[in-house]
Amino acid sequence: MLTAFADVRDNVTAQCENIRRLKSQGDTGLVLFYVGILMPKVDPLVVALANSLDYAIIMMPLNDPHPAYSEVISDVMQAIFLDHMHNPMFAMDLLEQATKLPPAQHTVDTVVRMVADRLHVGVALFNRDGQVITACAWPTTASEDWGAFARVHFDAGTAPLDARHQYWEKVSDDPRLGTVWLLLLQDGGTLDVYARGEVVSTLQIALNLWGQNPTAMSRGALLSAIMAGDPVQIQRLAAFYHVALADLRQGWLIPQFTGQDRARSKASWWRWWAKRRRWPCVNATIIYYFCFPAATSHRGPCRR
């Protein structure tokens, strides 16, 4: 992370909160620019917090306006490139990085993104029916029609017009995990067999550690995909549950009630909600509720 804390240069509380949030998302440190110019100084509270979180803060020279973000980015990218050249065996390195992330990010999705970022390739995992389990395009802002690649591989469909190298590997084929296929998309150059082997090893271990049953689907996953803005998962799960997303009319997110009035507010809200829904009132703190036209779902007009 590169920052000058320009918007919160005089707000130590906000600086600390930013560091906490960055750490919770898996960041390991930041480079702090323009101290003495924009931000007056690094407060001891910020240093103490960083030390307690094992979070690195690299401060550029004090009162020096000349170091630019681009210079640091170039130096870091060069160091990463040289490291990749000298350390081609990266499976254990990636998995070690993944284990250092917060527990919520100990997932196969995280490892897939790390592989894509390491090799600068598109990565997708498919079940034996050609359905996407998880995928990450490269660059990450790109949009891929993973289904088109799957149709070619699994159903001998018409190949998409794509000049990139495509590498298919079988990652898993056991009763617990099911059959899992890997697709790597390389734009320019080729991906040697050793790098592909490292990717397979990395994903095999990730599946064994955090995969559970990667080919399984759940209704809650559709909501999670919608909230995360994951178009691949949204389309896959919507098709599986026969949900017409274009007909989605409204959604409700009800947060947990907190504070001294928690019980009274919660009871009042549930009484209001019970008058406006068909189902008996359930004592829960978080629900989600979507309404669809009756014709779009075999389960009725509403889902919750």
C-alpha atoms as a PDB file:
ATOM      1  CA  MET A   1       0.000   0.000   0.000  1.00  0.00           C
ATOM      2  CA  LEU A   2       1.323   3.455  -0.978  1.00  0.00           C
ATOM      3  CA  THR A   3      -0.180   6.446   0.805  1.00  0.00           C
ATOM      4  CA  ALA A   4       0.421   9.925   2.173  1.00  0.00           C
ATOM      5  CA  PHE A   5      -2.674   9.874   4.448  1.00  0.00           C
ATOM      6  CA  ALA A   6      -3.502  13.180   2.753  1.00  0.00           C
ATOM      7  CA  ASP A   7      -7.221  13.136   3.627  1.00  0.00           C
ATOM      8  CA  VAL A   8      -6.552  12.266   7.289  1.00  0.00           C
ATOM      9  CA  ARG A   9      -3.170  13.887   7.794  1.00  0.00           C
ATOM     10  CA  ASP A  10      -4.266  15.505  11.086  1.00  0.00           C
ATOM     11  CA  ASN A  11      -6.523  12.679  12.271  1.00  0.00           C
ATOM     12  CA  VAL A  12      -4.505  10.067  14.176  1.00  0.00           C
ATOM     13  CA  THR A  13      -7.627   8.032  14.993  1.00  0.00           C
ATOM     14  CA  ALA A  14      -8.490   7.724  11.290  1.00  0.00           C
ATOM     15  CA  GLN A  15      -4.901   6.781  10.454  1.00  0.00           C
ATOM     16  CA  CYS A  16      -5.019   3.970  13.027  1.00  0.00           C
ATOM     17  CA  GLU A  17      -8.391   2.781  11.767  1.00  0.00           C
ATOM     18  CA  ASN A  18      -7.044   2.637   8.212  1.00  0.00           C
ATOM     19  CA  ILE A  19      -4.122   0.510   9.366  1.00  0.00           C
ATOM     20  CA  ARG A  20      -6.448  -1.856  11.245  1.00  0.00           C
ATOM     21  CA  ARG A  21      -8.638  -2.243   8.176  1.00  0.00           C
ATOM     22  CA  LEU A  22      -5.694  -2.834   5.844  1.00  0.00           C
ATOM     23  CA  LYS A  23      -4.276  -5.449   8.217  1.00  0.00           C
ATOM     24  CA  SER A  24      -7.641  -7.227   8.455  1.00  0.00           C
ATOM     25  CA  GLN A  25      -7.715  -7.475   4.663  1.00  0.00           C
ATOM     26  CA  GLY A  26      -4.339  -9.185   4.526  1.00  0.00           C
ATOM     27  CA  ASP A  27      -1.990  -6.249   3.881  1.00  0.00           C
ATOM     28  CA  THR A  28       1.444  -6.548   5.486  1.00  0.00           C
ATOM     29  CA  GLY A  29       2.581  -2.927   5.385  1.00  0.00           C
ATOM     30  CA  LEU A  30       2.532   0.475   3.706  1.00  0.00           C
ATOM     31  CA  VAL A  31       4.937   3.038   2.291  1.00  0.00           C
ATOM     32  CA  LEU A  32       4.305   6.491   3.742  1.00  0.00           C
ATOM     33  CA  PHE A  33       5.093   9.497   1.510  1.00  0.00           C
ATOM     34  CA  TYR A  34       5.510  13.230   2.133  1.00  0.00           C
ATOM     35  CA  VAL A  35       5.784  13.202   5.926  1.00  0.00           C
ATOM     36  CA  GLY A  36       6.513  16.778   7.032  1.00  0.00           C
ATOM     37  CA  ILE A  37       4.862  18.140   3.887  1.00  0.00           C
ATOM     38  CA  LEU A  38       1.321  16.755   3.890  1.00  0.00           C
ATOM     39  CA  MET A  39       1.275  14.725   7.101  1.00  0.00           C
ATOM     40  CA  PRO A  40       3.067  16.700   9.862  1.00  0.00           C
ATOM     41  CA  LYS A  41       4.590  13.662  11.595  1.00  0.00           C
ATOM     42  CA  VAL A  42       4.055   9.990  12.336  1.00  0.00           C
ATOM     43  CA  ASP A  43       2.295   9.899  15.673  1.00  0.00           C
ATOM     44  CA  PRO A  44       3.671   7.465  18.307  1.00  0.00           C
ATOM     45  CA  LEU A  45       0.169   5.925  18.551  1.00  0.00           C
ATOM     46  CA  VAL A  46       0.394   4.923  14.886  1.00  0.00           C
ATOM     47  CA  VAL A  47       3.816   3.365  15.430  1.00  0.00           C
ATOM     48  CA  ALA A  48       2.623   1.510  18.530  1.00  0.00           C
ATOM     49  CA  LEU A  49      -0.403   0.151  16.705  1.00  0.00           C
ATOM     50  CA  ALA A  50       1.690  -0.995  13.748  1.00  0.00           C
ATOM     51  CA  ASN A  51       4.100  -2.771  16.090  1.00  0.00           C
ATOM     52  CA  SER A  52       1.258  -4.513  17.919  1.00  0.00           C
ATOM     53  CA  LEU A  53      -0.193  -5.734  14.609  1.00  0.00           C
ATOM     54  CA  ASP A  54       3.194  -6.729  13.150  1.00  0.00           C
ATOM     55  CA  TYR A  55       2.453  -4.260  10.350  1.00  0.00           C
ATOM     56  CA  ALA A  56       5.372  -2.601   8.544  1.00  0.00           C
ATOM     57  CA  ILE A  57       5.460   1.156   7.916  1.00  0.00           C
ATOM     58  CA  ILE A  58       8.197   2.338   5.551  1.00  0.00           C
ATOM     59  CA  MET A  59       8.582   6.125   5.736  1.00  0.00           C
ATOM     60  CA  MET A  60      10.123   7.933   2.793  1.00  0.00           C
ATOM     61  CA  PRO A  61      12.659  10.722   3.569  1.00  0.00           C
ATOM     62  CA  LEU A  62      11.243  13.436   5.839  1.00  0.00           C
ATOM     63  CA  ASN A  63      10.333  16.775   4.191  1.00  0.00           C
ATOM     64  CA  ASP A  64      11.333  15.442   0.751  1.00  0.00           C
ATOM     65  CA  PRO A  65       8.803  16.077  -2.036  1.00  0.00           C
ATOM     66  CA  HIS A  66      10.808  14.307  -4.735  1.00  0.00           C
ATOM     67  CA  PRO A  67      10.174  10.558  -4.250  1.00  0.00           C
ATOM     68  CA  ALA A  68       7.273   9.597  -6.508  1.00  0.00           C
ATOM     69  CA  TYR A  69       4.845   6.716  -6.239  1.00  0.00           C
ATOM     70  CA  SER A  70       5.928   5.532  -9.696  1.00  0.00           C
ATOM     71  CA  GLU A  71       9.555   5.159  -8.619  1.00  0.00           C
ATOM     72  CA  VAL A  72       8.626   2.896  -5.704  1.00  0.00           C
ATOM     73  CA  ILE A  73       6.254   0.880  -7.871  1.00  0.00           C
ATOM     74  CA  SER A  74       8.995   0.339 -10.490  1.00  0.00           C
ATOM     75  CA  ASP A  75      11.541  -0.761  -7.880  1.00  0.00           C
ATOM     76  CA  VAL A  76       9.114  -3.146  -6.214  1.00  0.00           C
ATOM     77  CA  MET A  77       8.000  -4.671  -9.525  1.00  0.00           C
ATOM     78  CA  GLN A  78      11.627  -5.210 -10.543  1.00  0.00           C
ATOM     79  CA  ALA A  79      12.328  -6.957  -7.215  1.00  0.00           C
ATOM     80  CA  ILE A  80       9.260  -9.177  -7.685  1.00  0.00           C
ATOM     81  CA  PHE A  81      10.303 -10.047 -11.247  1.00  0.00           C
ATOM     82  CA  LEU A  82      13.823 -11.000 -10.171  1.00  0.00           C
ATOM     83  CA  ASP A  83      12.439 -13.059  -7.286  1.00  0.00           C
ATOM     84  CA  HIS A  84      10.187 -14.981  -9.685  1.00  0.00           C
ATOM     85  CA  MET A  85      13.168 -15.704 -11.929  1.00  0.00           C
ATOM     86  CA  HIS A  86      15.364 -16.969  -9.112  1.00  0.00           C
ATOM     87  CA  ASN A  87      12.619 -18.855  -7.241  1.00  0.00           C
ATOM     88  CA  PRO A  88      10.524 -20.783  -9.795  1.00  0.00           C
ATOM     89  CA  MET A  89       9.299 -23.280  -7.149  1.00  0.00           C
ATOM     90  CA  PHE A  90       6.546 -21.183  -5.647  1.00  0.00           C
ATOM     91  CA  ALA A  91       3.862 -23.607  -4.391  1.00  0.00           C
ATOM     92  CA  MET A  92       4.931 -23.588  -0.738  1.00  0.00           C
ATOM     93  CA  ASP A  93       5.616 -19.845  -0.866  1.00  0.00           C
ATOM     94  CA  LEU A  94       2.077 -19.035  -2.050  1.00  0.00           C
ATOM     95  CA  LEU A  95       0.479 -21.352   0.493  1.00  0.00           C
ATOM     96  CA  GLU A  96       2.557 -19.843   3.277  1.00  0.00           C
ATOM     97  CA  GLN A  97       1.381 -16.385   2.209  1.00  0.00           C
ATOM     98  CA  ALA A  98      -2.227 -17.597   2.195  1.00  0.00           C
ATOM     99  CA  THR A  99      -1.979 -19.019   5.725  1.00  0.00           C
ATOM    100  CA  LYS A 100      -0.794 -15.631   7.007  1.00  0.00           C
ATOM    101  CA  LEU A 101      -3.984 -13.956   5.782  1.00  0.00           C
ATOM    102  CA  PRO A 102      -7.030 -13.564   8.057  1.00  0.00           C
ATOM    103  CA  PRO A 103      -8.973 -16.849   8.515  1.00  0.00           C
ATOM    104  CA  ALA A 104     -11.860 -15.567   6.383  1.00  0.00           C
ATOM    105  CA  GLN A 105      -9.481 -15.496   3.403  1.00  0.00           C
ATOM    106  CA  HIS A 106      -8.286 -19.087   3.814  1.00  0.00           C
ATOM    107  CA  THR A 107     -10.127 -20.200   0.700  1.00  0.00           C
ATOM    108  CA  VAL A 108      -9.461 -21.748  -2.687  1.00  0.00           C
ATOM    109  CA  ASP A 109     -10.639 -18.451  -4.251  1.00  0.00           C
ATOM    110  CA  THR A 110      -7.806 -16.603  -2.505  1.00  0.00           C
ATOM    111  CA  VAL A 111      -5.195 -19.060  -3.757  1.00  0.00           C
ATOM    112  CA  VAL A 112      -6.550 -18.855  -7.318  1.00  0.00           C
ATOM    113  CA  ARG A 113      -6.177 -15.062  -7.226  1.00  0.00           C
ATOM    114  CA  MET A 114      -2.644 -15.399  -5.865  1.00  0.00           C
ATOM    115  CA  VAL A 115      -1.701 -17.785  -8.692  1.00  0.00           C
ATOM    116  CA  ALA A 116      -3.112 -15.396 -11.286  1.00  0.00           C
ATOM    117  CA  ASP A 117      -1.169 -12.509  -9.763  1.00  0.00           C
ATOM    118  CA  ARG A 118       2.056 -14.539  -9.524  1.00  0.00           C
ATOM    119  CA  LEU A 119       2.098 -15.794 -13.116  1.00  0.00           C
ATOM    120  CA  HIS A 120       0.013 -13.074 -14.802  1.00  0.00           C
ATOM    121  CA  VAL A 121      -2.370 -15.659 -16.226  1.00  0.00           C
ATOM    122  CA  GLY A 122      -6.106 -16.239 -16.185  1.00  0.00           C
ATOM    123  CA  VAL A 123      -7.032 -19.111 -13.867  1.00  0.00           C
ATOM    124  CA  ALA A 124     -10.282 -21.070 -13.665  1.00  0.00           C
ATOM    125  CA  LEU A 125     -11.382 -24.263 -11.920  1.00  0.00           C
ATOM    126  CA  PHE A 126     -14.203 -26.383 -13.365  1.00  0.00           C
ATOM    127  CA  ASN A 127     -16.121 -29.409 -12.156  1.00  0.00           C
ATOM    128  CA  ARG A 128     -16.494 -32.457 -14.380  1.00  0.00           C
ATOM    129  CA  ASP A 129     -19.635 -30.985 -15.986  1.00  0.00           C
ATOM    130  CA  GLY A 130     -17.761 -27.902 -17.141  1.00  0.00           C
ATOM    131  CA  GLN A 131     -19.308 -25.548 -14.566  1.00  0.00           C
ATOM    132  CA  VAL A 132     -17.036 -22.853 -13.163  1.00  0.00           C
ATOM    133  CA  ILE A 133     -16.140 -23.410  -9.504  1.00  0.00           C
ATOM    134  CA  THR A 134     -14.008 -20.295  -9.180  1.00  0.00           C
ATOM    135  CA  ALA A 135     -12.038 -18.120 -11.588  1.00  0.00           C
ATOM    136  CA  CYS A 136      -9.775 -15.092 -11.771  1.00  0.00           C
ATOM    137  CA  ALA A 137      -9.066 -13.272 -15.015  1.00  0.00           C
ATOM    138  CA  TRP A 138      -5.788 -11.524 -15.801  1.00  0.00           C
ATOM    139  CA  PRO A 139      -5.670  -8.631 -15.638  1.00  0.00           C
ATOM    140  CA  THR A 140      -8.262  -8.791 -12.867  1.00  0.00           C
ATOM    141  CA  THR A 141     -10.329  -6.057 -14.510  1.00  0.00           C
ATOM    142  CA  ALA A 142     -10.836  -8.222 -17.609  1.00  0.00           C
ATOM    143  CA  SER A 143     -14.029 -10.159 -18.263  1.00  0.00           C
ATOM    144  CA  GLU A 144     -13.785 -13.737 -19.503  1.00  0.00           C
ATOM    145  CA  ASP A 145     -16.431 -16.026 -20.970  1.00  0.00           C
ATOM    146  CA  TRP A 146     -15.202 -19.075 -19.079  1.00  0.00           C
ATOM    147  CA  GLY A 147     -18.208 -21.050 -20.251  1.00  0.00           C
ATOM    148  CA  ALA A 148     -17.037 -20.770 -23.867  1.00  0.00           C
ATOM    149  CA  PHE A 149     -13.684 -22.349 -23.017  1.00  0.00           C
ATOM    150  CA  ALA A 150     -15.440 -25.091 -21.058  1.00  0.00           C
ATOM    151  CA  ARG A 151     -17.775 -25.923 -23.943  1.00  0.00           C
ATOM    152  CA  VAL A 152     -14.776 -26.432 -26.222  1.00  0.00           C
ATOM    153  CA  HIS A 153     -12.972 -28.654 -23.754  1.00  0.00           C
ATOM    154  CA  PHE A 154     -15.891 -30.690 -22.422  1.00  0.00           C
ATOM    155  CA  ASP A 155     -18.388 -30.684 -25.297  1.00  0.00           C
ATOM    156  CA  ALA A 156     -16.178 -30.239 -28.371  1.00  0.00           C
ATOM    157  CA  GLY A 157     -17.874 -26.938 -29.143  1.00  0.00           C
ATOM    158  CA  THR A 158     -16.654 -24.215 -31.464  1.00  0.00           C
ATOM    159  CA  ALA A 159     -13.386 -22.755 -30.241  1.00  0.00           C
ATOM    160  CA  PRO A 160     -13.546 -19.059 -29.265  1.00  0.00           C
ATOM    161  CA  LEU A 161     -11.451 -16.624 -31.260  1.00  0.00           C
ATOM    162  CA  ASP A 162      -8.617 -16.340 -28.773  1.00  0.00           C
ATOM    163  CA  ALA A 163      -4.893 -16.247 -29.557  1.00  0.00           C
ATOM    164  CA  ARG A 164      -3.814 -16.988 -25.998  1.00  0.00           C
ATOM    165  CA  HIS A 165      -2.265 -20.277 -24.958  1.00  0.00           C
ATOM    166  CA  GLN A 166      -4.702 -22.544 -23.120  1.00  0.00           C
ATOM    167  CA  TYR A 167      -3.455 -25.167 -20.691  1.00  0.00           C
ATOM    168  CA  TRP A 168      -5.817 -27.750 -19.205  1.00  0.00           C
ATOM    169  CA  GLU A 169      -4.764 -29.836 -16.200  1.00  0.00           C
ATOM    170  CA  LYS A 170      -6.649 -32.246 -13.945  1.00  0.00           C
ATOM    171  CA  VAL A 171      -6.208 -31.022 -10.369  1.00  0.00           C
ATOM    172  CA  SER A 172      -8.344 -33.523  -8.460  1.00  0.00           C
ATOM    173  CA  ASP A 173     -10.172 -36.774  -9.111  1.00  0.00           C
ATOM    174  CA  ASP A 174     -11.186 -38.312  -5.804  1.00  0.00           C
ATOM    175  CA  PRO A 175     -14.553 -39.112  -4.162  1.00  0.00           C
ATOM    176  CA  ARG A 176     -14.401 -36.329  -1.570  1.00  0.00           C
ATOM    177  CA  LEU A 177     -13.532 -33.415  -3.849  1.00  0.00           C
ATOM    178  CA  GLY A 178     -14.863 -34.738  -7.149  1.00  0.00           C
ATOM    179  CA  THR A 179     -13.197 -34.098 -10.467  1.00  0.00           C
ATOM    180  CA  VAL A 180     -11.689 -30.634 -10.715  1.00  0.00           C
ATOM    181  CA  TRP A 181     -10.134 -29.283 -13.923  1.00  0.00           C
ATOM    182  CA  LEU A 182      -7.784 -26.319 -14.202  1.00  0.00           C
ATOM    183  CA  LEU A 183      -7.565 -23.876 -17.114  1.00  0.00           C
ATOM    184  CA  LEU A 184      -4.652 -21.455 -17.437  1.00  0.00           C
ATOM    185  CA  LEU A 185      -4.791 -18.667 -20.028  1.00  0.00           C
ATOM    186  CA  GLN A 186      -1.385 -17.271 -20.994  1.00  0.00           C
ATOM    187  CA  ASP A 187      -1.246 -14.093 -23.067  1.00  0.00           C
ATOM    188  CA  GLY A 188       2.106 -13.959 -24.866  1.00  0.00           C
ATOM    189  CA  GLY A 189       4.889 -16.474 -24.439  1.00  0.00           C
ATOM    190  CA  THR A 190       4.362 -19.957 -23.057  1.00  0.00           C
ATOM    191  CA  LEU A 191       3.972 -21.424 -19.603  1.00  0.00           C
ATOM    192  CA  ASP A 192       6.510 -24.176 -19.069  1.00  0.00           C
ATOM    193  CA  VAL A 193       5.626 -27.559 -17.621  1.00  0.00           C
ATOM    194  CA  TYR A 194       7.383 -26.798 -14.329  1.00  0.00           C
ATOM    195  CA  ALA A 195       5.289 -23.686 -13.676  1.00  0.00           C
ATOM    196  CA  ARG A 196       2.113 -25.587 -14.558  1.00  0.00           C
ATOM    197  CA  GLY A 197       3.151 -28.355 -12.188  1.00  0.00           C
ATOM    198  CA  GLU A 198       3.642 -25.831  -9.390  1.00  0.00           C
ATOM    199  CA  VAL A 199       0.156 -24.417 -10.021  1.00  0.00           C
ATOM    200  CA  VAL A 200      -1.388 -27.893  -9.865  1.00  0.00           C
ATOM    201  CA  SER A 201       0.481 -28.678  -6.635  1.00  0.00           C
ATOM    202  CA  THR A 202      -0.588 -25.375  -5.096  1.00  0.00           C
ATOM    203  CA  LEU A 203      -4.256 -25.894  -5.923  1.00  0.00           C
ATOM    204  CA  GLN A 204      -4.258 -29.549  -4.864  1.00  0.00           C
ATOM    205  CA  ILE A 205      -3.024 -28.564  -1.401  1.00  0.00           C
ATOM    206  CA  ALA A 206      -5.452 -25.621  -1.220  1.00  0.00           C
ATOM    207  CA  LEU A 207      -8.359 -27.901  -2.130  1.00  0.00           C
ATOM    208  CA  ASN A 208      -7.347 -30.430   0.500  1.00  0.00           C
ATOM    209  CA  LEU A 209      -6.999 -27.719   3.149  1.00  0.00           C
ATOM    210  CA  TRP A 210      -9.934 -25.465   2.376  1.00  0.00           C
ATOM    211  CA  GLY A 211     -11.884 -27.025  -0.470  1.00  0.00           C
ATOM    212  CA  GLN A 212     -14.315 -29.177   1.551  1.00  0.00           C
ATOM    213  CA  ASN A 213     -16.504 -29.951  -1.473  1.00  0.00           C
ATOM    214  CA  PRO A 214     -15.651 -27.351  -4.142  1.00  0.00           C
ATOM    215  CA  THR A 215     -18.263 -28.658  -6.574  1.00  0.00           C
ATOM    216  CA  ALA A 216     -21.129 -28.231  -4.121  1.00  0.00           C
ATOM    217  CA  MET A 217     -23.488 -25.275  -4.332  1.00  0.00           C
ATOM    218  CA  SER A 218     -25.588 -23.497  -1.733  1.00  0.00           C
ATOM    219  CA  ARG A 219     -28.357 -20.920  -1.889  1.00  0.00           C
ATOM    220  CA  GLY A 220     -26.404 -18.656   0.447  1.00  0.00           C
ATOM    221  CA  ALA A 221     -23.567 -18.604  -2.091  1.00  0.00           C
ATOM    222  CA  LEU A 222     -25.825 -16.773  -4.567  1.00  0.00           C
ATOM    223  CA  LEU A 223     -26.381 -13.941  -2.107  1.00  0.00           C
ATOM    224  CA  SER A 224     -22.671 -13.836  -1.294  1.00  0.00           C
ATOM    225  CA  ALA A 225     -21.831 -13.649  -4.996  1.00  0.00           C
ATOM    226  CA  ILE A 226     -24.324 -10.800  -5.507  1.00  0.00           C
ATOM    227  CA  MET A 227     -22.899  -8.880  -2.546  1.00  0.00           C
ATOM    228  CA  ALA A 228     -19.322  -9.463  -3.767  1.00  0.00           C
ATOM    229  CA  GLY A 229     -20.169  -8.483  -7.354  1.00  0.00           C
ATOM    230  CA  ASP A 230     -18.768 -11.760  -8.734  1.00  0.00           C
ATOM    231  CA  PRO A 231     -20.395 -12.124 -12.204  1.00  0.00           C
ATOM    232  CA  VAL A 232     -19.082 -15.647 -12.839  1.00  0.00           C
ATOM    233  CA  GLN A 233     -20.496 -17.066  -9.611  1.00  0.00           C
ATOM    234  CA  ILE A 234     -23.722 -15.046  -9.933  1.00  0.00           C
ATOM    235  CA  GLN A 235     -24.502 -16.414 -13.387  1.00  0.00           C
ATOM    236  CA  ARG A 236     -23.524 -19.967 -12.473  1.00  0.00           C
ATOM    237  CA  LEU A 237     -25.598 -20.095  -9.282  1.00  0.00           C
ATOM    238  CA  ALA A 238     -28.542 -18.226 -10.816  1.00  0.00           C
ATOM    239  CA  ALA A 239     -28.666 -20.770 -13.646  1.00  0.00           C
ATOM    240  CA  PHE A 240     -28.431 -23.661 -11.184  1.00  0.00           C
ATOM    241  CA  TYR A 241     -31.359 -22.376  -9.093  1.00  0.00           C
ATOM    242  CA  HIS A 242     -33.376 -21.160 -12.113  1.00  0.00           C
ATOM    243  CA  VAL A 243     -33.381 -17.551 -10.899  1.00  0.00           C
ATOM    244  CA  ALA A 244     -33.956 -14.814 -13.478  1.00  0.00           C
ATOM    245  CA  LEU A 245     -31.739 -12.055 -12.139  1.00  0.00           C
ATOM    246  CA  ALA A 246     -33.141  -9.504 -14.571  1.00  0.00           C
ATOM    247  CA  ASP A 247     -36.488  -9.831 -12.772  1.00  0.00           C
ATOM    248  CA  LEU A 248     -35.085  -9.113  -9.322  1.00  0.00           C
ATOM    249  CA  ARG A 249     -37.320  -6.348  -7.952  1.00  0.00           C
ATOM    250  CA  GLN A 250     -36.201  -5.651  -4.417  1.00  0.00           C
ATOM    251  CA  GLY A 251     -33.853  -6.856  -1.714  1.00  0.00           C
ATOM    252  CA  TRP A 252     -33.767  -6.457   2.052  1.00  0.00           C
ATOM    253  CA  LEU A 253     -30.689  -6.612   4.265  1.00  0.00           C
ATOM    254  CA  ILE A 254     -31.440  -6.463   7.994  1.00  0.00           C
ATOM    255  CA  PRO A 255     -28.357  -5.892  10.190  1.00  0.00           C
ATOM    256  CA  GLN A 256     -27.871  -7.009  13.755  1.00  0.00           C
ATOM    257  CA  PHE A 257     -29.374  -4.775  16.429  1.00  0.00           C
ATOM    258  CA  THR A 258     -26.848  -3.386  18.890  1.00  0.00           C
ATOM    259  CA  GLY A 259     -26.773  -1.012  21.834  1.00  0.00           C
ATOM    260  CA  GLN A 260     -28.975  -0.596  24.894  1.00  0.00           C
ATOM    261  CA  ASP A 261     -32.218  -0.648  22.900  1.00  0.00           C
ATOM    262  CA  ARG A 262     -31.295  -3.867  21.109  1.00  0.00           C
ATOM    263  CA  ALA A 263     -34.068  -6.077  22.515  1.00  0.00           C
ATOM    264  CA  ARG A 264     -36.813  -3.434  22.152  1.00  0.00           C
ATOM    265  CA  SER A 265     -35.762  -2.438  18.632  1.00  0.00           C
ATOM    266  CA  LYS A 266     -35.467  -6.049  17.520  1.00  0.00           C
ATOM    267  CA  ALA A 267     -38.894  -7.020  18.914  1.00  0.00           C
ATOM    268  CA  SER A 268     -40.524  -3.968  17.348  1.00  0.00           C
ATOM    269  CA  TRP A 269     -38.953  -4.656  13.989  1.00  0.00           C
ATOM    270  CA  TRP A 270     -40.028  -8.322  13.934  1.00  0.00           C
ATOM    271  CA  ARG A 271     -43.634  -7.372  14.775  1.00  0.00           C
ATOM    272  CA  TRP A 272     -43.606  -4.984  11.819  1.00  0.00           C
ATOM    273  CA  TRP A 273     -42.047  -7.614   9.570  1.00  0.00           C
ATOM    274  CA  ALA A 274     -44.506 -10.367  10.619  1.00  0.00           C
ATOM    275  CA  LYS A 275     -47.419  -8.297   9.332  1.00  0.00           C
ATOM    276  CA  ARG A 276     -45.835  -8.036   5.881  1.00  0.00           C
ATOM    277  CA  ARG A 277     -44.674 -11.562   5.161  1.00  0.00           C
ATOM    278  CA  ARG A 278     -46.255 -14.977   4.687  1.00  0.00           C
ATOM    279  CA  TRP A 279     -43.985 -17.021   6.927  1.00  0.00           C
ATOM    280  CA  PRO A 280     -44.089 -17.282  10.744  1.00  0.00           C
ATOM    281  CA  CYS A 281     -41.737 -14.885  12.467  1.00  0.00           C
ATOM    282  CA  VAL A 282     -38.281 -16.396  12.973  1.00  0.00           C
ATOM    283  CA  ASN A 283     -36.019 -15.232  15.770  1.00  0.00           C
ATOM    284  CA  ALA A 284     -32.938 -14.332  13.709  1.00  0.00           C
ATOM    285  CA  THR A 285     -30.704 -11.303  13.630  1.00  0.00           C
ATOM    286  CA  ILE A 286     -29.791 -11.314   9.940  1.00  0.00           C
ATOM    287  CA  ILE A 287     -32.067 -12.275   7.052  1.00  0.00           C
ATOM    288  CA  TYR A 288     -32.146 -11.655   3.353  1.00  0.00           C
ATOM    289  CA  TYR A 289     -35.258 -11.444   1.268  1.00  0.00           C
ATOM    290  CA  PHE A 290     -35.679 -11.110  -2.486  1.00  0.00           C
ATOM    291  CA  CYS A 291     -38.891 -10.813  -4.459  1.00  0.00           C
ATOM    292  CA  PHE A 292     -39.287 -12.201  -7.983  1.00  0.00           C
ATOM    293  CA  PRO A 293     -42.273 -12.457 -10.307  1.00  0.00           C
ATOM    294  CA  ALA A 294     -44.013 -15.797  -9.690  1.00  0.00           C
ATOM    295  CA  ALA A 295     -43.137 -17.173 -13.112  1.00  0.00           C
ATOM    296  CA  THR A 296     -39.384 -16.945 -12.619  1.00  0.00           C
ATOM    297  CA  SER A 297     -38.993 -19.535  -9.889  1.00  0.00           C
ATOM    298  CA  HIS A 298     -40.370 -22.996  -9.318  1.00  0.00           C
ATOM    299  CA  ARG A 299     -40.273 -22.271  -5.569  1.00  0.00           C
ATOM    300  CA  GLY A 300     -42.831 -19.463  -5.635  1.00  0.00           C
ATOM    301  CA  PRO A 301     -42.800 -15.684  -5.924  1.00  0.00           C
ATOM    302  CA  CYS A 302     -40.457 -14.943  -3.013  1.00  0.00           C
ATOM    303  CA  ARG A 303     -37.298 -16.377  -1.568  1.00  0.00           C
ATOM    304  CA  ARG A 304     -35.597 -15.764   1.720  1.00  0.00           C
END
